[in-house]
Amino acid sequence: MSGPAYSAGRQWTPEEEGLLRSMAAAGESVAVIATPLKRSAASIRKRARILGIKLARVPSGLKANGK
C-alpha cells in the first residue's frame, strides 16, 4: 500500500530538525519556519512539541499582516 502523494507522514531529517531548532531559538514564527521546511504550521507545531522545542507565541488578536 502506498502513502499519500502529499507531505503528510514525510519523515523529518536531522537537518530539518536542526533548522527547526535554530529558527525557533531565533524567535521566528511558525509561519516563517514552515516556509523553508515546506511543511504545514500544524506539522511544525507537532514536531516542536515532540522535540520539546518552544515556539514563539503570537499575541492573541493579532493577524499575520499586523492588523
C-alpha atoms as a PDB file:
ATOM      1  CA  MET A   1       0.000   0.000   0.000  1.00  0.00           C
ATOM      2  CA  SER A   2       1.471   3.342  -0.988  1.00  0.00           C
ATOM      3  CA  GLY A   3       1.323   6.509   1.118  1.00  0.00           C
ATOM      4  CA  PRO A   4      -0.416   9.737   0.197  1.00  0.00           C
ATOM      5  CA  ALA A   5       1.041  11.895  -2.567  1.00  0.00           C
ATOM      6  CA  TYR A   6       1.321  14.943  -0.289  1.00  0.00           C
ATOM      7  CA  SER A   7       3.823  15.592   2.514  1.00  0.00           C
ATOM      8  CA  ALA A   8       1.757  14.152   5.375  1.00  0.00           C
ATOM      9  CA  GLY A   9       3.789  11.455   7.031  1.00  0.00           C
ATOM     10  CA  ARG A  10       7.060  12.517   5.421  1.00  0.00           C
ATOM     11  CA  GLN A  11       9.897  11.701   7.785  1.00  0.00           C
ATOM     12  CA  TRP A  12      11.854  14.531   9.395  1.00  0.00           C
ATOM     13  CA  THR A  13      15.560  14.577   8.623  1.00  0.00           C
ATOM     14  CA  PRO A  14      18.184  15.611  11.200  1.00  0.00           C
ATOM     15  CA  GLU A  15      18.881  18.680   9.038  1.00  0.00           C
ATOM     16  CA  GLU A  16      15.201  19.718   9.139  1.00  0.00           C
ATOM     17  CA  GLU A  17      15.080  19.242  12.896  1.00  0.00           C
ATOM     18  CA  GLY A  18      18.231  21.352  13.245  1.00  0.00           C
ATOM     19  CA  LEU A  19      16.709  24.128  11.160  1.00  0.00           C
ATOM     20  CA  LEU A  20      13.524  23.954  13.250  1.00  0.00           C
ATOM     21  CA  ARG A  21      15.601  24.228  16.441  1.00  0.00           C
ATOM     22  CA  SER A  22      17.694  27.148  15.216  1.00  0.00           C
ATOM     23  CA  MET A  23      14.785  29.124  13.784  1.00  0.00           C
ATOM     24  CA  ALA A  24      12.705  28.572  16.927  1.00  0.00           C
ATOM     25  CA  ALA A  25      15.652  29.674  19.082  1.00  0.00           C
ATOM     26  CA  ALA A  26      15.878  32.833  16.956  1.00  0.00           C
ATOM     27  CA  GLY A  27      12.228  33.575  17.792  1.00  0.00           C
ATOM     28  CA  GLU A  28      10.831  33.022  14.311  1.00  0.00           C
ATOM     29  CA  SER A  29       7.088  32.440  13.954  1.00  0.00           C
ATOM     30  CA  VAL A  30       5.617  29.088  12.971  1.00  0.00           C
ATOM     31  CA  ALA A  31       4.635  30.518   9.568  1.00  0.00           C
ATOM     32  CA  VAL A  32       8.191  31.679   8.891  1.00  0.00           C
ATOM     33  CA  ILE A  33       9.642  28.327   9.989  1.00  0.00           C
ATOM     34  CA  ALA A  34       7.185  26.375   7.837  1.00  0.00           C
ATOM     35  CA  THR A  35       8.234  28.057   4.582  1.00  0.00           C
ATOM     36  CA  PRO A  36      11.812  26.764   4.128  1.00  0.00           C
ATOM     37  CA  LEU A  37      10.855  23.372   5.556  1.00  0.00           C
ATOM     38  CA  LYS A  38       7.918  23.075   3.119  1.00  0.00           C
ATOM     39  CA  ARG A  39       5.682  21.823   5.924  1.00  0.00           C
ATOM     40  CA  SER A  40       2.398  22.953   7.400  1.00  0.00           C
ATOM     41  CA  ALA A  41       2.171  25.066  10.537  1.00  0.00           C
ATOM     42  CA  ALA A  42       0.476  22.122  12.261  1.00  0.00           C
ATOM     43  CA  SER A  43       3.397  19.867  11.322  1.00  0.00           C
ATOM     44  CA  ILE A  44       5.873  22.404  12.716  1.00  0.00           C
ATOM     45  CA  ARG A  45       3.936  22.675  15.988  1.00  0.00           C
ATOM     46  CA  LYS A  46       3.648  18.901  16.337  1.00  0.00           C
ATOM     47  CA  ARG A  47       7.350  18.239  15.715  1.00  0.00           C
ATOM     48  CA  ALA A  48       8.365  21.055  18.057  1.00  0.00           C
ATOM     49  CA  ARG A  49       6.158  19.532  20.768  1.00  0.00           C
ATOM     50  CA  ILE A  50       7.702  16.080  20.208  1.00  0.00           C
ATOM     51  CA  LEU A  51      11.234  17.524  20.402  1.00  0.00           C
ATOM     52  CA  GLY A  52      10.467  19.786  23.362  1.00  0.00           C
ATOM     53  CA  ILE A  53      11.133  22.963  21.366  1.00  0.00           C
ATOM     54  CA  LYS A  54       9.448  26.168  22.493  1.00  0.00           C
ATOM     55  CA  LEU A  55       7.971  28.213  19.659  1.00  0.00           C
ATOM     56  CA  ALA A  56       7.378  31.962  19.559  1.00  0.00           C
ATOM     57  CA  ARG A  57       3.860  32.901  20.543  1.00  0.00           C
ATOM     58  CA  VAL A  58       1.827  35.439  18.612  1.00  0.00           C
ATOM     59  CA  PRO A  59      -0.331  37.547  20.940  1.00  0.00           C
ATOM     60  CA  SER A  60      -3.999  36.686  20.524  1.00  0.00           C
ATOM     61  CA  GLY A  61      -5.991  39.032  18.342  1.00  0.00           C
ATOM     62  CA  LEU A  62      -3.101  39.842  16.020  1.00  0.00           C
ATOM     63  CA  LYS A  63      -3.132  38.669  12.448  1.00  0.00           C
ATOM     64  CA  ALA A  64      -0.145  37.807  10.300  1.00  0.00           C
ATOM     65  CA  ASN A  65      -0.318  41.119   8.446  1.00  0.00           C
ATOM     66  CA  GLY A  66      -0.174  43.083  11.689  1.00  0.00           C
ATOM     67  CA  LYS A  67      -3.748  44.396  11.614  1.00  0.00           C
END
